[in-house]
């Protein structure tokens, strides 16, 4: 389960960075929403998987509620999922 969460965490982090730093500027600077449409759905699915897996892995990793809160909060901070991987999953 941990390895699946690590993969989803990595993919969620990459999709978030692509959406935030590539697709959104293209949308507003070049008036082209295609990249946001293309990346938005996969990112949304990965985000939901990340949250569900975080709750599922909580017991396996012996996380308290504070740690779970940090892991969940990191999903909305750019580069946060990479921090979670380094700090809590290795």
C-alpha atoms as a PDB file:
ATOM      1  CA  UNK A   1       0.000   0.000   0.000  1.00  0.00           C
ATOM      2  CA  UNK A   2       2.873   2.352   0.818  1.00  0.00           C
ATOM      3  CA  UNK A   3       4.411   1.975  -2.630  1.00  0.00           C
ATOM      4  CA  UNK A   4       1.062   2.709  -4.302  1.00  0.00           C
ATOM      5  CA  UNK A   5       0.663   5.822  -2.152  1.00  0.00           C
ATOM      6  CA  UNK A   6       4.178   6.944  -3.058  1.00  0.00           C
ATOM      7  CA  UNK A   7       3.433   6.587  -6.781  1.00  0.00           C
ATOM      8  CA  UNK A   8       0.118   8.430  -6.509  1.00  0.00           C
ATOM      9  CA  UNK A   9       1.791  11.108  -4.392  1.00  0.00           C
ATOM     10  CA  UNK A  10       4.501  11.622  -7.002  1.00  0.00           C
ATOM     11  CA  UNK A  11       2.035  11.740  -9.890  1.00  0.00           C
ATOM     12  CA  UNK A  12      -0.306  14.075  -7.994  1.00  0.00           C
ATOM     13  CA  UNK A  13       2.577  16.429  -7.245  1.00  0.00           C
ATOM     14  CA  UNK A  14       3.751  16.468 -10.852  1.00  0.00           C
ATOM     15  CA  UNK A  15       0.240  17.005 -12.206  1.00  0.00           C
ATOM     16  CA  UNK A  16      -0.310  19.859  -9.739  1.00  0.00           C
ATOM     17  CA  UNK A  17       2.921  21.582 -10.750  1.00  0.00           C
ATOM     18  CA  UNK A  18       2.117  21.191 -14.449  1.00  0.00           C
ATOM     19  CA  UNK A  19      -1.356  22.574 -13.894  1.00  0.00           C
ATOM     20  CA  UNK A  20      -0.185  25.439 -11.709  1.00  0.00           C
ATOM     21  CA  UNK A  21       2.976  26.559 -13.493  1.00  0.00           C
ATOM     22  CA  UNK A  22       2.350  25.586 -17.121  1.00  0.00           C
ATOM     23  CA  UNK A  23      -1.350  25.167 -17.916  1.00  0.00           C
ATOM     24  CA  UNK A  24      -2.713  28.085 -15.888  1.00  0.00           C
ATOM     25  CA  UNK A  25      -0.255  30.687 -17.236  1.00  0.00           C
ATOM     26  CA  UNK A  26      -0.955  29.496 -20.784  1.00  0.00           C
ATOM     27  CA  UNK A  27      -4.667  29.805 -20.104  1.00  0.00           C
ATOM     28  CA  UNK A  28      -4.440  33.396 -18.911  1.00  0.00           C
ATOM     29  CA  UNK A  29      -1.488  34.731 -20.897  1.00  0.00           C
ATOM     30  CA  UNK A  30      -2.319  33.135 -24.241  1.00  0.00           C
ATOM     31  CA  UNK A  31      -6.069  32.760 -23.743  1.00  0.00           C
ATOM     32  CA  UNK A  32      -5.819  29.025 -24.381  1.00  0.00           C
ATOM     33  CA  UNK A  33      -7.700  26.849 -21.847  1.00  0.00           C
ATOM     34  CA  UNK A  34      -6.901  23.553 -23.599  1.00  0.00           C
ATOM     35  CA  UNK A  35      -4.032  22.606 -21.273  1.00  0.00           C
ATOM     36  CA  UNK A  36      -6.125  23.229 -18.170  1.00  0.00           C
ATOM     37  CA  UNK A  37      -8.874  21.040 -19.621  1.00  0.00           C
ATOM     38  CA  UNK A  38      -6.348  18.364 -20.531  1.00  0.00           C
ATOM     39  CA  UNK A  39      -4.561  18.314 -17.139  1.00  0.00           C
ATOM     40  CA  UNK A  40      -7.458  19.193 -14.854  1.00  0.00           C
ATOM     41  CA  UNK A  41      -9.313  15.882 -14.853  1.00  0.00           C
ATOM     42  CA  UNK A  42      -6.250  13.640 -14.326  1.00  0.00           C
ATOM     43  CA  UNK A  43      -5.067  15.937 -11.542  1.00  0.00           C
ATOM     44  CA  UNK A  44      -8.496  15.836  -9.891  1.00  0.00           C
ATOM     45  CA  UNK A  45      -8.561  12.047  -9.981  1.00  0.00           C
ATOM     46  CA  UNK A  46      -5.026  11.827  -8.597  1.00  0.00           C
ATOM     47  CA  UNK A  47      -5.913  14.307  -5.852  1.00  0.00           C
ATOM     48  CA  UNK A  48      -8.919  12.238  -4.774  1.00  0.00           C
ATOM     49  CA  UNK A  49      -6.816   9.060  -4.849  1.00  0.00           C
ATOM     50  CA  UNK A  50      -4.169  10.796  -2.732  1.00  0.00           C
ATOM     51  CA  UNK A  51      -6.709  11.791  -0.080  1.00  0.00           C
ATOM     52  CA  UNK A  52      -8.379   8.360   0.023  1.00  0.00           C
ATOM     53  CA  UNK A  53      -5.041   6.550   0.169  1.00  0.00           C
ATOM     54  CA  UNK A  54      -3.796   8.878   2.921  1.00  0.00           C
ATOM     55  CA  UNK A  55      -6.743   7.852   5.084  1.00  0.00           C
ATOM     56  CA  UNK A  56      -6.227   4.187   4.207  1.00  0.00           C
ATOM     57  CA  UNK A  57      -2.490   4.214   4.954  1.00  0.00           C
ATOM     58  CA  UNK A  58      -2.837   6.156   8.225  1.00  0.00           C
ATOM     59  CA  UNK A  59      -3.098   3.033  10.369  1.00  0.00           C
ATOM     60  CA  UNK A  60      -0.371   1.149   8.486  1.00  0.00           C
ATOM     61  CA  UNK A  61       2.068   4.033   8.984  1.00  0.00           C
ATOM     62  CA  UNK A  62       0.978   4.693  12.608  1.00  0.00           C
ATOM     63  CA  UNK A  63       0.184   8.329  11.865  1.00  0.00           C
ATOM     64  CA  UNK A  64      -1.665  10.394  14.436  1.00  0.00           C
ATOM     65  CA  UNK A  65      -4.314  12.907  13.361  1.00  0.00           C
ATOM     66  CA  UNK A  66      -1.764  15.744  13.273  1.00  0.00           C
ATOM     67  CA  UNK A  67       0.472  13.853  10.860  1.00  0.00           C
ATOM     68  CA  UNK A  68      -2.513  12.949   8.688  1.00  0.00           C
ATOM     69  CA  UNK A  69      -3.483  16.619   8.646  1.00  0.00           C
ATOM     70  CA  UNK A  70       0.017  17.595   7.525  1.00  0.00           C
ATOM     71  CA  UNK A  71      -0.024  14.937   4.798  1.00  0.00           C
ATOM     72  CA  UNK A  72      -3.413  16.155   3.577  1.00  0.00           C
ATOM     73  CA  UNK A  73      -2.413  19.834   3.756  1.00  0.00           C
ATOM     74  CA  UNK A  74       0.682  19.096   1.698  1.00  0.00           C
ATOM     75  CA  UNK A  75      -1.543  17.981  -1.160  1.00  0.00           C
ATOM     76  CA  UNK A  76      -2.610  21.593  -1.766  1.00  0.00           C
ATOM     77  CA  UNK A  77       0.835  23.177  -1.379  1.00  0.00           C
ATOM     78  CA  UNK A  78       3.109  23.200  -4.434  1.00  0.00           C
ATOM     79  CA  UNK A  79       5.915  20.652  -3.931  1.00  0.00           C
ATOM     80  CA  UNK A  80       4.120  19.444  -0.774  1.00  0.00           C
ATOM     81  CA  UNK A  81       3.703  15.857  -1.907  1.00  0.00           C
ATOM     82  CA  UNK A  82       7.456  15.612  -2.495  1.00  0.00           C
ATOM     83  CA  UNK A  83       7.983  16.740   1.108  1.00  0.00           C
ATOM     84  CA  UNK A  84       5.558  14.052   2.296  1.00  0.00           C
ATOM     85  CA  UNK A  85       7.475  11.414   0.346  1.00  0.00           C
ATOM     86  CA  UNK A  86      10.795  12.485   1.830  1.00  0.00           C
ATOM     87  CA  UNK A  87       9.623  13.041   5.407  1.00  0.00           C
ATOM     88  CA  UNK A  88       6.935  10.404   5.978  1.00  0.00           C
ATOM     89  CA  UNK A  89       7.179   7.689   3.325  1.00  0.00           C
ATOM     90  CA  UNK A  90      10.866   6.807   3.033  1.00  0.00           C
END
